[in-house]
Amino acid sequence: QEKNEIKGSIRTESDDVDVSQIASLFGGGGHKKASGFSIPGRLERTGEGSWKIIK
């Protein structure tokens, strides 16, 4: 997470999953087994193990 940007990285070892399709939902992309995205906002901890996106 940088100033007001959240960066995500998605990876898989499975041949049955195309993570680039998941990343494209957030405006990102990449390869079938490794993709990424950036969205505006910042993360705020809301409880143990829970986070929310603040825009």
N, C-alpha and C. Protein backbone atom coordinates (compact mmCIF):
# COMPACT_ATOMS: atom_id res chain seq x y z
N GLN A 1 0.85 -1.17 0.00
CA GLN A 1 0.00 0.00 0.00
C GLN A 1 0.90 1.23 0.00
N GLU A 2 0.71 2.09 -0.98
CA GLU A 2 1.41 3.35 -1.01
C GLU A 2 0.40 4.44 -0.70
N LYS A 3 0.77 5.70 -0.87
CA LYS A 3 -0.04 6.83 -0.42
C LYS A 3 -1.54 6.58 -0.48
N ASN A 4 -2.18 6.61 -1.54
CA ASN A 4 -3.60 6.27 -1.62
C ASN A 4 -3.82 5.26 -2.72
N GLU A 5 -2.99 4.24 -2.71
CA GLU A 5 -3.06 3.21 -3.73
C GLU A 5 -2.78 1.85 -3.08
N ILE A 6 -3.66 0.92 -3.35
CA ILE A 6 -3.50 -0.44 -2.86
C ILE A 6 -3.04 -1.29 -4.03
N LYS A 7 -1.94 -2.00 -3.85
CA LYS A 7 -1.41 -2.87 -4.89
C LYS A 7 -1.64 -4.31 -4.48
N GLY A 8 -2.17 -5.09 -5.41
CA GLY A 8 -2.43 -6.50 -5.13
C GLY A 8 -1.67 -7.40 -6.10
N SER A 9 -1.25 -8.53 -5.60
CA SER A 9 -0.56 -9.53 -6.40
C SER A 9 -1.27 -10.86 -6.20
N ILE A 10 -1.58 -11.54 -7.29
CA ILE A 10 -2.32 -12.81 -7.23
C ILE A 10 -1.48 -13.87 -7.93
N ARG A 11 -1.30 -14.99 -7.26
CA ARG A 11 -0.50 -16.08 -7.84
C ARG A 11 -1.20 -17.41 -7.60
N THR A 12 -0.93 -18.36 -8.49
CA THR A 12 -1.46 -19.71 -8.34
C THR A 12 -0.46 -20.72 -8.90
N GLU A 13 -0.53 -21.92 -8.39
CA GLU A 13 0.24 -23.02 -8.97
C GLU A 13 -0.65 -23.91 -9.82
N SER A 14 -1.96 -23.69 -9.74
CA SER A 14 -2.94 -24.53 -10.43
C SER A 14 -3.04 -24.17 -11.91
N ASP A 15 -3.16 -25.19 -12.74
CA ASP A 15 -3.40 -24.96 -14.17
C ASP A 15 -4.87 -24.67 -14.45
N ASP A 16 -5.74 -24.89 -13.46
CA ASP A 16 -7.18 -24.72 -13.63
C ASP A 16 -7.67 -23.31 -13.31
N VAL A 17 -6.78 -22.44 -12.82
CA VAL A 17 -7.17 -21.09 -12.41
C VAL A 17 -6.41 -20.08 -13.26
N ASP A 18 -7.12 -19.07 -13.77
CA ASP A 18 -6.51 -17.98 -14.53
C ASP A 18 -6.62 -16.71 -13.69
N VAL A 19 -5.57 -16.39 -12.94
CA VAL A 19 -5.64 -15.23 -12.05
C VAL A 19 -5.67 -13.90 -12.80
N SER A 20 -5.31 -13.89 -14.08
CA SER A 20 -5.40 -12.65 -14.85
C SER A 20 -6.86 -12.21 -15.00
N GLN A 21 -7.78 -13.17 -15.01
CA GLN A 21 -9.21 -12.82 -15.07
C GLN A 21 -9.66 -12.16 -13.78
N ILE A 22 -9.13 -12.61 -12.65
CA ILE A 22 -9.46 -12.00 -11.36
C ILE A 22 -8.88 -10.59 -11.30
N ALA A 23 -7.61 -10.44 -11.69
CA ALA A 23 -6.96 -9.13 -11.68
C ALA A 23 -7.68 -8.14 -12.60
N SER A 24 -8.21 -8.63 -13.72
CA SER A 24 -8.91 -7.74 -14.66
C SER A 24 -10.17 -7.14 -14.05
N LEU A 25 -10.75 -7.80 -13.06
CA LEU A 25 -11.92 -7.23 -12.37
C LEU A 25 -11.57 -5.95 -11.63
N PHE A 26 -10.28 -5.78 -11.30
CA PHE A 26 -9.80 -4.60 -10.59
C PHE A 26 -8.97 -3.70 -11.49
N GLY A 27 -9.07 -3.90 -12.80
CA GLY A 27 -8.35 -3.06 -13.75
C GLY A 27 -6.91 -3.46 -13.97
N GLY A 28 -6.54 -4.63 -13.52
CA GLY A 28 -5.16 -5.11 -13.67
C GLY A 28 -5.06 -6.18 -14.73
N GLY A 29 -3.98 -6.92 -14.68
CA GLY A 29 -3.77 -7.99 -15.64
C GLY A 29 -2.46 -8.69 -15.38
N GLY A 30 -2.04 -9.46 -16.35
CA GLY A 30 -0.79 -10.19 -16.22
C GLY A 30 -0.87 -11.52 -16.93
N HIS A 31 -0.35 -12.52 -16.29
CA HIS A 31 -0.29 -13.86 -16.86
C HIS A 31 -1.28 -14.77 -16.16
N LYS A 32 -1.49 -15.95 -16.73
CA LYS A 32 -2.46 -16.90 -16.18
C LYS A 32 -2.15 -17.27 -14.73
N LYS A 33 -0.88 -17.44 -14.40
CA LYS A 33 -0.51 -17.89 -13.05
C LYS A 33 0.03 -16.78 -12.15
N ALA A 34 0.23 -15.57 -12.67
CA ALA A 34 0.74 -14.46 -11.87
C ALA A 34 0.25 -13.15 -12.46
N SER A 35 -0.51 -12.41 -11.67
CA SER A 35 -1.08 -11.14 -12.13
C SER A 35 -1.12 -10.14 -10.99
N GLY A 36 -1.43 -8.90 -11.32
CA GLY A 36 -1.50 -7.88 -10.29
C GLY A 36 -2.46 -6.77 -10.67
N PHE A 37 -2.70 -5.88 -9.71
CA PHE A 37 -3.61 -4.75 -9.91
C PHE A 37 -3.29 -3.65 -8.92
N SER A 38 -3.76 -2.45 -9.21
CA SER A 38 -3.69 -1.30 -8.30
C SER A 38 -5.06 -0.67 -8.27
N ILE A 39 -5.52 -0.32 -7.06
CA ILE A 39 -6.80 0.38 -6.92
C ILE A 39 -6.60 1.56 -5.98
N PRO A 40 -7.37 2.64 -6.18
CA PRO A 40 -7.25 3.78 -5.28
C PRO A 40 -7.81 3.46 -3.91
N GLY A 41 -7.23 4.05 -2.89
CA GLY A 41 -7.71 3.87 -1.53
C GLY A 41 -6.58 3.46 -0.60
N ARG A 42 -6.96 3.15 0.64
CA ARG A 42 -5.99 2.66 1.61
C ARG A 42 -6.67 1.61 2.47
N LEU A 43 -5.89 0.77 3.09
CA LEU A 43 -6.43 -0.29 3.94
C LEU A 43 -6.46 0.18 5.39
N GLU A 44 -7.52 -0.18 6.07
CA GLU A 44 -7.64 0.12 7.50
C GLU A 44 -8.03 -1.16 8.23
N ARG A 45 -7.33 -1.46 9.29
CA ARG A 45 -7.61 -2.67 10.07
C ARG A 45 -8.89 -2.44 10.88
N THR A 46 -9.83 -3.37 10.78
CA THR A 46 -11.11 -3.23 11.49
C THR A 46 -11.25 -4.21 12.64
N GLY A 47 -10.37 -5.16 12.73
CA GLY A 47 -10.41 -6.17 13.78
C GLY A 47 -9.34 -7.19 13.50
N GLU A 48 -9.27 -8.19 14.34
CA GLU A 48 -8.24 -9.21 14.16
C GLU A 48 -8.47 -9.96 12.85
N GLY A 49 -7.56 -9.77 11.90
CA GLY A 49 -7.65 -10.46 10.62
C GLY A 49 -8.61 -9.83 9.63
N SER A 50 -9.20 -8.69 9.95
CA SER A 50 -10.16 -8.04 9.05
C SER A 50 -9.62 -6.68 8.60
N TRP A 51 -9.89 -6.36 7.34
CA TRP A 51 -9.47 -5.09 6.75
C TRP A 51 -10.62 -4.51 5.95
N LYS A 52 -10.63 -3.19 5.77
CA LYS A 52 -11.59 -2.57 4.85
C LYS A 52 -10.85 -1.54 4.02
N ILE A 53 -11.39 -1.26 2.84
CA ILE A 53 -10.80 -0.29 1.93
C ILE A 53 -11.44 1.06 2.18
N ILE A 54 -10.60 2.06 2.42
CA ILE A 54 -11.05 3.43 2.61
C ILE A 54 -10.73 4.19 1.33
N LYS A 55 -11.74 4.80 0.71
CA LYS A 55 -11.51 5.54 -0.53
C LYS A 55 -11.36 7.01 -0.26
